[in-house]
N, C-alpha and C. Protein backbone atom coordinates (compact mmCIF):
# COMPACT_ATOMS: atom_id res chain seq x y z
N UNK A 1 0.75 -1.02 0.24
CA UNK A 1 0.12 -0.15 -0.03
C UNK A 1 1.01 1.43 -0.09
N UNK A 2 0.07 2.11 -0.22
CA UNK A 2 1.06 3.59 -0.42
C UNK A 2 2.19 4.00 0.42
N UNK A 3 1.65 3.86 1.99
CA UNK A 3 1.98 4.23 3.05
C UNK A 3 3.09 3.45 3.60
N UNK A 4 2.74 2.03 3.54
CA UNK A 4 3.51 1.15 3.37
C UNK A 4 4.88 1.59 2.96
N UNK A 5 5.10 1.39 1.34
CA UNK A 5 6.05 1.33 0.50
C UNK A 5 6.42 2.91 0.50
N UNK A 6 6.16 3.68 0.90
CA UNK A 6 6.50 5.15 1.39
C UNK A 6 7.78 4.71 2.33
N UNK A 7 7.67 4.29 3.37
CA UNK A 7 8.71 4.02 4.35
C UNK A 7 8.43 2.48 5.21
N UNK A 8 9.51 1.70 5.25
CA UNK A 8 9.47 0.64 5.72
C UNK A 8 8.87 0.47 7.24
N UNK A 9 8.96 1.42 8.10
CA UNK A 9 8.38 1.21 9.35
C UNK A 9 7.09 1.33 9.87
N UNK A 10 6.42 1.48 8.33
CA UNK A 10 5.04 0.54 8.74
C UNK A 10 4.01 2.82 8.71
N UNK A 11 2.88 2.44 8.94
CA UNK A 11 1.34 3.24 8.50
C UNK A 11 1.68 4.09 10.18
N UNK A 12 2.08 2.93 11.03
CA UNK A 12 1.59 4.19 12.22
C UNK A 12 2.79 4.50 13.00
N UNK A 13 3.52 6.03 12.76
CA UNK A 13 4.91 6.53 13.40
C UNK A 13 4.55 6.78 14.37
N UNK A 14 4.18 6.09 15.78
CA UNK A 14 4.12 6.20 16.58
C UNK A 14 5.29 6.29 18.01
N UNK A 15 6.61 5.23 17.78
CA UNK A 15 7.19 5.28 18.23
C UNK A 15 8.42 6.33 18.16
N UNK A 16 8.67 7.13 17.52
CA UNK A 16 9.86 8.16 16.90
C UNK A 16 8.96 9.46 16.54
N UNK A 17 9.03 10.63 17.67
CA UNK A 17 8.51 11.62 17.72
C UNK A 17 8.84 12.64 16.77
N UNK A 18 10.28 12.05 15.79
CA UNK A 18 10.98 12.97 15.37
C UNK A 18 10.13 13.71 13.96
N UNK A 19 10.43 14.89 14.24
CA UNK A 19 9.61 15.79 13.17
C UNK A 19 10.53 15.41 11.49
N UNK A 20 11.43 15.57 11.64
CA UNK A 20 11.96 15.37 10.10
C UNK A 20 11.74 14.08 9.51
N UNK A 21 11.67 12.98 10.42
CA UNK A 21 11.28 11.69 9.80
C UNK A 21 9.51 11.29 9.27
N UNK A 22 8.97 12.06 10.39
CA UNK A 22 7.83 12.24 10.10
C UNK A 22 7.56 12.46 8.66
N UNK A 23 8.07 14.17 8.45
CA UNK A 23 7.67 14.99 7.22
C UNK A 23 8.40 14.43 6.01
N UNK A 24 9.44 13.48 6.12
CA UNK A 24 9.71 12.87 4.96
C UNK A 24 9.14 11.93 4.51
N UNK A 25 7.96 11.07 5.62
CA UNK A 25 7.24 10.14 4.86
C UNK A 25 6.17 11.12 4.48
N UNK A 26 5.75 12.18 4.91
CA UNK A 26 4.42 12.60 4.35
C UNK A 26 4.55 13.26 2.94
N UNK A 27 6.17 14.02 2.80
CA UNK A 27 7.11 14.67 1.62
C UNK A 27 6.79 12.87 0.50
N UNK A 28 6.94 11.95 0.94
CA UNK A 28 6.87 10.97 0.09
C UNK A 28 5.71 10.16 -0.28
N UNK A 29 4.58 10.37 0.16
CA UNK A 29 3.26 10.28 -0.12
C UNK A 29 2.90 11.48 -0.88
N UNK A 30 2.75 12.73 -0.76
CA UNK A 30 2.72 13.92 -1.45
C UNK A 30 3.15 13.82 -2.58
N UNK A 31 4.60 12.99 -2.99
CA UNK A 31 5.23 13.11 -4.07
C UNK A 31 4.48 12.32 -5.21
N UNK A 32 4.18 11.26 -4.88
CA UNK A 32 3.49 10.00 -5.51
C UNK A 32 1.77 10.30 -5.71
N UNK A 33 0.87 11.03 -4.91
CA UNK A 33 -0.30 11.31 -4.98
C UNK A 33 -0.71 11.91 -6.24
N UNK A 34 -1.60 11.72 -6.76
CA UNK A 34 -2.35 12.35 -8.01
C UNK A 34 -3.28 13.60 -7.55
N UNK A 35 -3.81 13.49 -6.50
CA UNK A 35 -4.95 14.51 -6.03
C UNK A 35 -4.75 14.42 -4.05
N UNK A 36 -4.56 15.54 -3.48
CA UNK A 36 -4.48 15.87 -2.33
C UNK A 36 -5.53 16.88 -1.87
N UNK A 37 -6.44 16.34 -1.01
CA UNK A 37 -7.52 17.27 -0.05
C UNK A 37 -7.23 17.34 1.12
N UNK A 38 -7.03 18.18 1.87
CA UNK A 38 -6.73 18.73 2.78
C UNK A 38 -7.93 19.80 3.34
N UNK A 39 -8.15 19.50 4.64
CA UNK A 39 -9.01 20.01 5.60
C UNK A 39 -8.37 20.44 6.79
N UNK A 40 -8.44 21.73 7.17
CA UNK A 40 -7.81 22.84 8.10
C UNK A 40 -8.91 23.50 9.05
N UNK A 41 -7.97 23.18 10.26
CA UNK A 41 -9.47 24.09 11.17
C UNK A 41 -9.05 25.08 11.68
N UNK A 42 -7.81 25.49 12.02
CA UNK A 42 -7.11 26.54 12.85
C UNK A 42 -5.95 27.29 12.02
N UNK A 43 -5.06 26.13 11.44
CA UNK A 43 -4.11 27.42 10.43
C UNK A 43 -4.35 26.70 9.10
N UNK A 44 -3.45 27.52 8.33
CA UNK A 44 -3.61 27.58 6.98
C UNK A 44 -2.49 26.33 6.86
N UNK A 45 -3.17 25.19 5.75
CA UNK A 45 -2.74 24.22 5.23
C UNK A 45 -1.01 24.23 5.35
N UNK A 46 -0.32 23.41 5.38
CA UNK A 46 1.28 23.28 5.38
C UNK A 46 1.55 23.91 4.20
N UNK A 47 1.16 23.10 2.73
CA UNK A 47 1.44 23.58 1.82
C UNK A 47 1.61 24.89 1.09
N UNK A 48 0.76 25.61 1.82
CA UNK A 48 0.36 26.90 1.28
C UNK A 48 0.48 28.27 2.19
N UNK A 49 1.39 27.79 3.49
CA UNK A 49 2.03 28.24 4.12
C UNK A 49 2.97 29.61 3.84
N UNK A 50 3.58 30.50 4.06
CA UNK A 50 4.31 31.04 3.43
C UNK A 50 5.96 30.95 4.70
N UNK A 51 6.99 31.16 4.30
CA UNK A 51 7.88 30.89 5.37
C UNK A 51 7.59 31.40 6.60
N UNK A 52 7.46 32.49 6.65
CA UNK A 52 7.07 33.50 7.58
C UNK A 52 6.22 33.09 8.76
N UNK A 53 5.10 33.10 7.73
CA UNK A 53 3.95 32.40 8.52
C UNK A 53 4.12 31.07 9.48
N UNK A 54 5.23 30.33 8.57
CA UNK A 54 5.46 29.08 9.36
C UNK A 54 6.40 29.34 10.84
N UNK A 55 7.42 30.13 10.06
CA UNK A 55 8.36 30.14 11.39
C UNK A 55 7.50 31.06 12.82
N UNK A 56 6.40 31.91 12.47
CA UNK A 56 5.50 32.58 13.64
C UNK A 56 4.67 31.38 13.91
N UNK A 57 4.39 30.67 13.80
CA UNK A 57 3.90 29.42 13.81
C UNK A 57 4.42 28.56 14.58
N UNK A 58 5.43 28.01 14.61
CA UNK A 58 6.16 27.62 15.44
C UNK A 58 7.21 27.79 16.40
N UNK A 59 7.22 29.40 16.71
CA UNK A 59 7.56 30.18 17.50
C UNK A 59 6.68 30.45 18.82
N UNK A 60 5.93 30.66 17.88
CA UNK A 60 4.44 31.17 18.96
C UNK A 60 3.78 29.88 19.90
N UNK A 61 3.57 28.80 19.16
CA UNK A 61 3.26 27.93 19.51
C UNK A 61 4.00 27.33 20.79
N UNK A 62 5.22 27.17 20.30
CA UNK A 62 6.59 26.86 21.56
C UNK A 62 6.32 25.67 21.64
N UNK A 63 5.83 24.37 20.40
CA UNK A 63 6.01 23.25 20.07
C UNK A 63 7.50 23.22 19.28
N UNK A 64 8.10 23.98 18.78
CA UNK A 64 9.81 23.10 18.63
C UNK A 64 10.52 24.61 19.59
N UNK A 65 11.54 23.82 20.04
CA UNK A 65 12.82 24.59 20.61
C UNK A 65 12.93 25.79 19.81
N UNK A 66 13.78 26.93 20.18
CA UNK A 66 14.07 27.48 19.55
C UNK A 66 15.35 27.58 18.34
N UNK A 67 16.16 26.81 19.30
CA UNK A 67 17.17 26.46 18.09
C UNK A 67 16.83 25.43 16.73
N UNK A 68 15.65 24.53 17.18
CA UNK A 68 15.38 23.92 15.96
C UNK A 68 14.48 24.13 15.00
N UNK A 69 14.32 25.98 15.38
CA UNK A 69 12.80 26.23 14.45
C UNK A 69 13.70 26.54 13.02
N UNK A 70 14.42 27.10 12.77
CA UNK A 70 15.35 26.89 11.03
C UNK A 70 15.21 25.57 10.90
N UNK A 71 15.82 24.35 11.11
CA UNK A 71 15.69 23.22 10.54
C UNK A 71 14.62 22.43 10.45
N UNK A 72 13.46 22.67 11.07
CA UNK A 72 12.19 22.80 10.85
C UNK A 72 11.47 23.24 9.83
N UNK A 73 11.50 24.56 9.64
CA UNK A 73 11.49 25.04 8.54
C UNK A 73 11.49 24.76 7.08
N UNK A 74 12.80 24.37 7.26
CA UNK A 74 13.56 23.98 6.06
C UNK A 74 13.14 22.40 5.49
N UNK A 75 12.69 21.91 6.43
CA UNK A 75 11.94 20.42 6.21
C UNK A 75 10.77 20.47 5.98
N UNK A 76 9.78 21.35 6.60
CA UNK A 76 8.35 21.75 6.01
C UNK A 76 8.36 22.33 4.95
N UNK A 77 9.22 22.99 4.53
CA UNK A 77 9.12 23.92 3.40
C UNK A 77 9.43 23.03 1.97
N UNK A 78 10.01 21.83 2.39
CA UNK A 78 10.66 20.98 1.43
C UNK A 78 9.41 20.24 0.53
N UNK A 79 8.12 20.35 1.42
CA UNK A 79 6.67 19.71 1.06
C UNK A 79 6.59 20.82 0.03
N UNK A 80 6.97 21.75 -0.18
CA UNK A 80 6.34 22.88 -0.85
C UNK A 80 6.68 22.39 -2.55
N UNK A 81 7.85 21.55 -2.69
CA UNK A 81 8.03 21.70 -4.03
C UNK A 81 7.55 20.77 -5.09
N UNK A 82 6.51 20.00 -4.34
CA UNK A 82 5.97 18.93 -5.24
C UNK A 82 5.06 19.92 -5.63
N UNK A 83 4.15 21.22 -5.61
CA UNK A 83 3.78 22.01 -6.46
C UNK A 83 4.26 22.90 -7.13
N UNK A 84 5.89 22.81 -7.33
CA UNK A 84 6.26 23.41 -8.38
C UNK A 84 6.79 22.67 -9.51
N UNK A 85 6.56 21.21 -9.42
CA UNK A 85 7.15 20.66 -10.29
C UNK A 85 6.55 20.17 -11.58
N UNK A 86 6.71 19.96 -13.02
CA UNK A 86 6.08 20.00 -14.20
C UNK A 86 4.48 19.87 -14.37
N UNK A 87 4.12 18.54 -13.68
CA UNK A 87 3.12 17.92 -13.61
C UNK A 87 2.62 17.78 -12.20
N UNK A 88 2.36 18.97 -11.43
CA UNK A 88 2.06 19.19 -9.73
C UNK A 88 0.86 18.43 -9.79
N UNK A 89 0.52 17.72 -8.30
CA UNK A 89 -0.88 16.71 -8.05
C UNK A 89 -2.14 18.12 -8.01
N UNK A 90 -2.80 17.72 -8.20
CA UNK A 90 -4.39 18.26 -7.57
C UNK A 90 -4.40 18.81 -6.22
N UNK A 91 -4.38 20.40 -5.91
CA UNK A 91 -4.53 20.39 -4.36
C UNK A 91 -5.93 20.66 -4.00
N UNK A 92 -6.79 20.26 -3.49
CA UNK A 92 -8.08 20.55 -3.33
C UNK A 92 -7.98 21.13 -1.44
N UNK A 93 -8.15 22.52 -1.22
CA UNK A 93 -8.25 22.57 -0.13
C UNK A 93 -9.40 23.06 0.92
N UNK A 94 -9.78 22.98 2.04
CA UNK A 94 -10.59 23.61 2.61
C UNK A 94 -10.52 24.14 4.29
N UNK A 95 -10.18 25.12 4.09
CA UNK A 95 -10.00 25.99 5.41
C UNK A 95 -11.34 26.41 6.34
N UNK A 96 -11.54 26.20 7.36
CA UNK A 96 -12.66 26.73 8.23
C UNK A 96 -12.00 28.21 8.41
N UNK A 97 -13.37 28.75 8.29
CA UNK A 97 -13.08 30.45 8.51
C UNK A 97 -12.11 30.72 9.40
N UNK A 98 -12.19 29.97 10.91
CA UNK A 98 -11.47 30.12 12.00
C UNK A 98 -10.01 30.72 11.48
N UNK A 99 -9.26 29.68 10.66
CA UNK A 99 -8.40 29.71 10.59
C UNK A 99 -7.81 30.92 10.06
N UNK A 100 -8.52 31.67 9.18
CA UNK A 100 -8.11 32.91 8.40
C UNK A 100 -8.10 34.16 9.68
N UNK A 101 -8.40 33.57 10.57
CA UNK A 101 -8.69 34.77 11.50
C UNK A 101 -7.45 34.56 12.76
N UNK A 102 -7.04 33.82 12.89
CA UNK A 102 -5.87 33.29 13.51
C UNK A 102 -4.83 34.12 13.56
N UNK A 103 -4.32 35.37 14.14
CA UNK A 103 -3.02 36.12 14.07
C UNK A 103 -1.83 36.00 14.56
N UNK A 104 -1.71 34.70 13.29
CA UNK A 104 -0.29 33.89 13.54
C UNK A 104 0.84 35.25 13.65
N UNK A 105 1.78 35.65 13.75
CA UNK A 105 2.88 36.28 13.15
C UNK A 105 2.40 37.82 13.25
N UNK A 106 1.04 38.22 13.82
CA UNK A 106 0.75 39.55 13.75
C UNK A 106 -0.25 39.92 12.50
N UNK A 107 -0.36 41.21 12.25
CA UNK A 107 -1.04 42.06 10.99
C UNK A 107 -0.21 41.53 9.62
N UNK A 108 1.15 42.04 9.96
CA UNK A 108 1.35 41.94 8.14
C UNK A 108 1.78 40.42 7.67
N UNK A 109 2.23 39.36 8.97
CA UNK A 109 2.58 38.49 8.16
C UNK A 109 0.92 37.83 7.92
N UNK A 110 0.27 37.87 8.66
CA UNK A 110 -1.14 37.25 8.51
C UNK A 110 -1.81 38.01 6.94
N UNK A 111 -1.56 39.29 6.81
CA UNK A 111 -1.94 39.79 5.62
C UNK A 111 -1.00 39.00 4.39
N UNK A 112 0.19 39.21 4.32
CA UNK A 112 0.81 38.53 2.79
C UNK A 112 0.51 36.70 3.21
N UNK A 113 0.32 36.61 4.11
CA UNK A 113 -0.33 34.64 4.04
C UNK A 113 -1.49 34.95 3.08
N UNK A 114 -2.50 35.54 3.56
CA UNK A 114 -3.55 35.72 3.03
C UNK A 114 -3.50 35.77 1.34
N UNK A 115 -2.42 37.01 1.13
CA UNK A 115 -2.56 37.56 -0.15
C UNK A 115 -1.62 36.47 -0.62
N UNK A 116 -1.20 35.67 -0.29
CA UNK A 116 -0.34 34.56 -0.75
C UNK A 116 -1.51 33.37 -1.57
N UNK A 117 -2.65 33.01 -0.24
CA UNK A 117 -3.70 32.15 -0.28
C UNK A 117 -4.26 32.60 -1.91
N UNK A 118 -4.36 33.65 -2.03
CA UNK A 118 -4.95 34.54 -3.23
C UNK A 118 -4.26 34.16 -4.72
N UNK A 119 -3.13 34.06 -4.18
CA UNK A 119 -2.22 33.65 -5.49
C UNK A 119 -2.01 32.46 -6.03
N UNK A 120 -2.17 31.52 -4.82
CA UNK A 120 -2.12 30.01 -5.08
C UNK A 120 -3.63 29.56 -5.58
N UNK A 121 -4.53 30.33 -5.40
CA UNK A 121 -5.98 30.02 -5.95
C UNK A 121 -6.18 30.19 -7.42
N UNK A 122 -5.06 31.37 -8.01
CA UNK A 122 -5.22 31.28 -9.11
C UNK A 122 -4.73 30.37 -9.90
N UNK A 123 -3.96 29.62 -9.63
CA UNK A 123 -3.22 28.16 -10.30
C UNK A 123 -4.07 27.50 -10.61
N UNK A 124 -3.77 26.54 -11.78
CA UNK A 124 -5.14 25.85 -12.66
C UNK A 124 -5.12 24.35 -11.47
N UNK A 125 -4.11 23.96 -10.80
CA UNK A 125 -4.23 23.01 -10.14
C UNK A 125 -4.24 23.02 -8.64
N UNK A 126 -4.97 24.55 -8.26
CA UNK A 126 -4.91 24.48 -6.46
C UNK A 126 -6.53 25.05 -6.71
N UNK A 127 -7.00 24.02 -5.84
CA UNK A 127 -8.37 24.66 -5.36
C UNK A 127 -8.80 25.11 -3.76
N UNK A 128 -9.07 26.68 -3.88
CA UNK A 128 -8.90 26.70 -1.92
C UNK A 128 -10.70 26.80 -1.62
N UNK A 129 -11.16 26.53 -0.73
CA UNK A 129 -12.78 27.13 -0.57
C UNK A 129 -12.36 27.22 1.14
N UNK A 130 -13.70 28.09 1.63
CA UNK A 130 -13.67 28.22 2.83
C UNK A 130 -14.94 27.77 3.28
N UNK A 131 -14.68 27.15 4.56
CA UNK A 131 -16.08 26.55 5.23
C UNK A 131 -16.79 27.58 6.69
N UNK A 132 -17.40 28.27 6.01
CA UNK A 132 -17.87 29.45 7.02
C UNK A 132 -17.83 28.88 8.30
N UNK A 133 -18.21 29.87 8.99
CA UNK A 133 -18.39 29.68 10.71
C UNK A 133 -19.73 30.11 10.83
N UNK A 134 -20.30 28.96 10.58
CA UNK A 134 -21.60 29.13 10.68
C UNK A 134 -22.07 27.85 12.12
N UNK A 135 -21.34 27.15 12.67
CA UNK A 135 -21.99 26.16 13.47
C UNK A 135 -21.13 24.96 13.51
N UNK A 136 -21.75 23.92 14.38
CA UNK A 136 -20.77 22.79 14.51
C UNK A 136 -20.69 22.12 13.08
N UNK A 137 -19.91 21.32 12.62
CA UNK A 137 -19.79 20.60 11.27
C UNK A 137 -18.36 19.45 11.35
N UNK A 138 -18.49 18.44 10.83
CA UNK A 138 -18.26 17.29 10.83
C UNK A 138 -16.72 17.29 11.04
N UNK A 139 -16.03 18.15 10.65
CA UNK A 139 -14.89 18.28 10.86
C UNK A 139 -14.09 18.67 12.10
N UNK A 140 -14.78 19.16 13.17
CA UNK A 140 -14.69 19.42 14.24
C UNK A 140 -13.82 18.85 15.07
N UNK A 141 -13.37 17.62 14.66
CA UNK A 141 -12.82 16.41 15.25
C UNK A 141 -11.16 17.12 15.14
N UNK A 142 -10.89 17.64 14.41
CA UNK A 142 -9.43 18.22 13.76
C UNK A 142 -9.41 17.85 12.15
N UNK A 143 -8.35 18.38 11.63
CA UNK A 143 -7.59 18.28 10.43
C UNK A 143 -7.07 17.00 10.14
N UNK A 144 -7.29 16.98 8.67
CA UNK A 144 -7.00 15.70 8.25
C UNK A 144 -6.53 15.68 6.30
N UNK A 145 -5.86 14.93 5.94
CA UNK A 145 -5.66 15.16 4.37
C UNK A 145 -5.60 13.68 4.03
N UNK A 146 -6.54 13.64 2.92
CA UNK A 146 -6.43 12.42 1.87
C UNK A 146 -5.48 12.82 0.80
N UNK A 147 -4.90 11.48 0.62
CA UNK A 147 -3.67 11.75 -0.56
C UNK A 147 -4.36 10.51 -1.29
N UNK A 148 -4.69 11.02 -2.73
CA UNK A 148 -5.00 9.61 -3.68
C UNK A 148 -4.60 9.52 -4.77
N UNK A 149 -3.99 8.15 -5.23
CA UNK A 149 -3.58 7.87 -6.36
C UNK A 149 -4.68 7.62 -7.53
N UNK A 150 -4.16 7.32 -8.76
CA UNK A 150 -5.29 6.78 -9.79
C UNK A 150 -6.56 5.80 -9.30
N UNK A 151 -5.61 4.59 -8.49
CA UNK A 151 -6.44 3.46 -8.18
C UNK A 151 -6.15 3.33 -6.43
N UNK A 152 -7.21 2.75 -6.03
CA UNK A 152 -7.27 2.39 -4.43
C UNK A 152 -7.87 3.43 -3.63
N UNK A 153 -8.31 3.46 -2.53
CA UNK A 153 -8.77 4.44 -1.58
C UNK A 153 -8.08 5.59 -1.28
N UNK A 154 -6.84 5.79 -0.90
CA UNK A 154 -6.12 6.36 -0.90
C UNK A 154 -5.53 6.39 0.84
N UNK A 155 -5.17 7.33 0.83
CA UNK A 155 -4.62 6.88 2.51
C UNK A 155 -4.53 8.37 2.96
N UNK A 156 -5.21 8.11 4.47
CA UNK A 156 -5.79 9.74 5.02
C UNK A 156 -4.47 9.87 6.03
N UNK A 157 -3.91 10.97 6.28
CA UNK A 157 -2.79 11.52 6.98
C UNK A 157 -3.35 12.22 8.15
N UNK A 158 -3.24 11.66 9.38
CA UNK A 158 -3.43 12.72 10.53
C UNK A 158 -2.35 12.69 11.26
N UNK A 159 -2.13 13.67 12.16
CA UNK A 159 -0.89 14.35 13.16
C UNK A 159 -1.10 14.49 14.20
N UNK A 160 -0.52 14.63 15.29
CA UNK A 160 -0.19 15.30 16.44
C UNK A 160 0.89 15.83 16.74
N UNK A 161 1.40 15.84 18.10
CA UNK A 161 2.62 16.27 18.70
C UNK A 161 3.81 15.49 18.29
N UNK A 162 3.27 14.28 18.92
CA UNK A 162 4.35 13.15 18.98
C UNK A 162 3.99 12.12 17.82
N UNK A 163 3.23 11.94 16.72
CA UNK A 163 3.13 10.47 15.99
C UNK A 163 2.01 11.16 14.92
N UNK A 164 2.51 10.05 13.75
CA UNK A 164 1.40 10.34 12.72
C UNK A 164 0.94 9.10 12.75
N UNK A 165 -0.55 9.35 11.53
CA UNK A 165 -1.16 8.11 11.66
C UNK A 165 -1.25 8.06 9.98
N UNK A 166 -1.42 6.71 9.40
CA UNK A 166 -1.85 6.90 7.83
C UNK A 166 -3.00 5.85 7.88
N UNK A 167 -3.87 6.27 7.60
CA UNK A 167 -5.27 5.03 7.42
C UNK A 167 -5.56 4.82 6.25
N UNK A 168 -5.21 3.94 5.87
CA UNK A 168 -5.41 3.15 4.28
C UNK A 168 -6.54 2.06 4.61
N UNK A 169 -7.42 1.36 5.45
CA UNK A 169 -8.29 0.69 5.48
C UNK A 169 -9.56 1.34 4.83
N UNK A 170 -10.15 0.80 3.57
CA UNK A 170 -10.89 1.35 2.71
C UNK A 170 -12.01 1.89 3.48
N UNK A 171 -12.76 1.39 4.27
CA UNK A 171 -13.79 1.43 5.09
C UNK A 171 -13.51 2.64 6.21
N UNK A 172 -12.65 3.06 6.79
CA UNK A 172 -12.17 4.12 7.12
C UNK A 172 -11.70 5.33 6.27
N UNK A 173 -11.12 4.92 5.70
CA UNK A 173 -10.89 6.25 4.37
C UNK A 173 -12.29 6.66 3.88
N UNK A 174 -12.98 5.98 3.73
CA UNK A 174 -14.39 5.92 3.35
C UNK A 174 -15.23 7.09 4.61
N UNK A 175 -14.67 6.74 5.69
CA UNK A 175 -15.58 7.78 6.40
C UNK A 175 -14.95 9.26 6.16
N UNK A 176 -13.80 8.97 6.20
CA UNK A 176 -13.03 10.44 5.88
C UNK A 176 -13.34 11.14 4.67
N UNK A 177 -13.81 10.58 3.33
CA UNK A 177 -14.04 10.74 2.03
C UNK A 177 -15.31 11.45 2.18
N UNK A 178 -16.32 10.70 2.99
CA UNK A 178 -17.77 11.38 3.01
C UNK A 178 -17.45 12.60 4.08
N UNK A 179 -16.81 12.86 5.00
CA UNK A 179 -16.73 14.05 5.36
C UNK A 179 -16.35 14.97 5.26
N UNK A 180 -15.39 14.67 3.90
CA UNK A 180 -14.74 15.75 3.23
C UNK A 180 -16.24 16.40 2.26
N UNK A 181 -16.68 15.36 1.53
CA UNK A 181 -18.46 15.45 0.89
C UNK A 181 -19.16 16.84 1.39
N UNK A 182 -19.11 16.45 2.78
CA UNK A 182 -19.88 16.89 3.60
C UNK A 182 -19.58 18.33 4.01
N UNK A 183 -17.95 18.58 4.29
CA UNK A 183 -17.67 19.51 4.41
C UNK A 183 -17.68 20.78 2.78
N UNK A 184 -17.41 20.02 2.09
CA UNK A 184 -17.57 20.84 0.54
C UNK A 184 -18.89 20.81 0.48
N UNK A 185 -19.87 20.50 0.88
CA UNK A 185 -21.08 20.75 0.63
C UNK A 185 -21.62 22.27 1.55
N UNK A 186 -20.44 22.09 2.44
CA UNK A 186 -20.84 23.10 3.36
C UNK A 186 -20.08 24.85 2.73
N UNK A 187 -19.24 24.30 2.56
CA UNK A 187 -17.74 25.23 1.92
C UNK A 187 -18.50 26.62 0.98
N UNK A 188 -17.98 27.73 0.79
CA UNK A 188 -18.14 28.87 0.14
C UNK A 188 -17.76 28.20 -1.27
N UNK A 189 -18.03 28.66 -2.55
CA UNK A 189 -17.46 28.47 -3.63
C UNK A 189 -16.11 28.96 -3.81
N UNK A 190 -15.41 28.72 -4.91
CA UNK A 190 -13.75 29.20 -4.97
C UNK A 190 -14.08 30.60 -5.24
N UNK A 191 -14.51 31.14 -6.27
CA UNK A 191 -15.14 32.53 -5.88
C UNK A 191 -15.44 33.21 -4.80
N UNK A 192 -16.32 32.92 -4.21
CA UNK A 192 -16.55 33.48 -2.88
C UNK A 192 -15.91 33.56 -1.58
N UNK A 193 -15.29 32.20 -1.99
CA UNK A 193 -13.87 32.17 -0.84
C UNK A 193 -12.50 33.33 -1.07
N UNK A 194 -12.16 33.33 -2.47
CA UNK A 194 -11.58 34.30 -2.58
C UNK A 194 -12.02 35.66 -2.40
N UNK A 195 -13.20 36.09 -2.33
CA UNK A 195 -13.31 37.45 -1.82
C UNK A 195 -13.44 37.66 -0.60
N UNK A 196 -13.71 36.64 0.50
CA UNK A 196 -13.90 36.28 1.71
C UNK A 196 -12.52 36.91 2.23
N UNK A 197 -11.22 36.19 1.33
CA UNK A 197 -10.12 35.94 2.00
C UNK A 197 -9.27 37.45 1.44
N UNK A 198 -9.91 37.87 0.53
CA UNK A 198 -9.65 39.23 -0.08
C UNK A 198 -9.95 40.33 0.87
N UNK A 199 -11.09 40.29 1.31
CA UNK A 199 -11.60 41.45 2.05
C UNK A 199 -10.77 41.31 3.51
N UNK A 200 -10.43 39.81 3.86
CA UNK A 200 -9.77 40.03 5.69
C UNK A 200 -8.90 40.80 5.24
N UNK A 201 -7.43 40.25 3.90
CA UNK A 201 -6.39 41.31 3.97
C UNK A 201 -6.80 42.73 3.70
N UNK A 202 -7.57 42.99 3.37
CA UNK A 202 -7.84 44.41 2.94
C UNK A 202 -7.89 45.16 4.47
N UNK A 203 -8.68 44.22 5.31
CA UNK A 203 -9.25 44.53 6.63
C UNK A 203 -8.12 45.13 7.39
N UNK A 204 -7.07 44.08 7.62
CA UNK A 204 -5.77 43.88 8.17
C UNK A 204 -4.79 45.03 7.74
N UNK A 205 -4.69 45.33 6.34
CA UNK A 205 -4.13 46.40 5.42
C UNK A 205 -4.91 47.87 6.40
N UNK A 206 -5.94 47.85 6.29
CA UNK A 206 -6.80 49.27 6.75
C UNK A 206 -6.08 49.08 8.32
N UNK A 207 -6.24 47.86 8.89
CA UNK A 207 -6.17 48.47 10.85
C UNK A 207 -4.74 48.66 10.50
N UNK A 208 -3.60 48.13 10.09
CA UNK A 208 -2.52 48.88 9.92
C UNK A 208 -2.13 50.09 10.14
N UNK A 209 -2.46 50.46 8.94
CA UNK A 209 -2.51 51.96 8.26
C UNK A 209 -3.23 53.21 9.48
N UNK A 210 -3.86 52.23 10.44
CA UNK A 210 -4.17 53.26 10.98
C UNK A 210 -3.70 53.25 12.33
N UNK A 211 -2.81 52.59 12.87
CA UNK A 211 -2.11 52.03 13.86
C UNK A 211 -0.43 53.45 13.68
C-alpha cells in the first residue's frame, strides 16, 4: 500500500516523535499522489504556508525549541516542491474560516499569508474553499489530509505532536471521504472564498495603516 511503500517502518509512526522523519514520510506520500485533499481547522494548510507564517507558527506555539525552528522550517518547506514540479498533483483545500482569523505572526504576516492564498488559488491545480463559521461541522474533531492515486481508496494522514497516523483501510478512508463531501457541501465556492480572503486581507491592511 501507498504508506507502507513510502517507508518500511509502516503506517503508524508512533514510536519516534522525530519531526523530520515524519515529514519525510509525508513528503514521499505527497510526491506520489495525484490528488491531495486537505481540511484544516485552525491554521493555513502546510503546503500553502509562507515561510514567515510557518516560522511564526512554530515560534508562537512553542511546540518547537528555538534552536530547532530553522531546521524544522527547511524540512517543512521542502513539501512545497511537489507543487512546483512540471506535473503537480491537484490540491483541494478546505479551510475553516476561523483559521483565517488566527493572528499568527501579527497583522502583516497574516495579511501576506492571505495574499499568498489568493495567488495560489489562481493556479490551475489548486482549489481553495472556505468553510464558513456557521456552527458545528463534521470536521470539528480536527484536521486531516486525503492523498489519492489513480487507483485504490487512498491514504488519510493525521498528525499530532508526537506521532503520525496513516489510515489505509478502505472502510475508514471512506469515513473521511464522506466527511470531505459534507464539508465541501457547506463550503463557499472558490470565487466567494477568494472574495472573503481578499476582504480579510484588506481589513488587516486598513487596521495596520490606522496604527
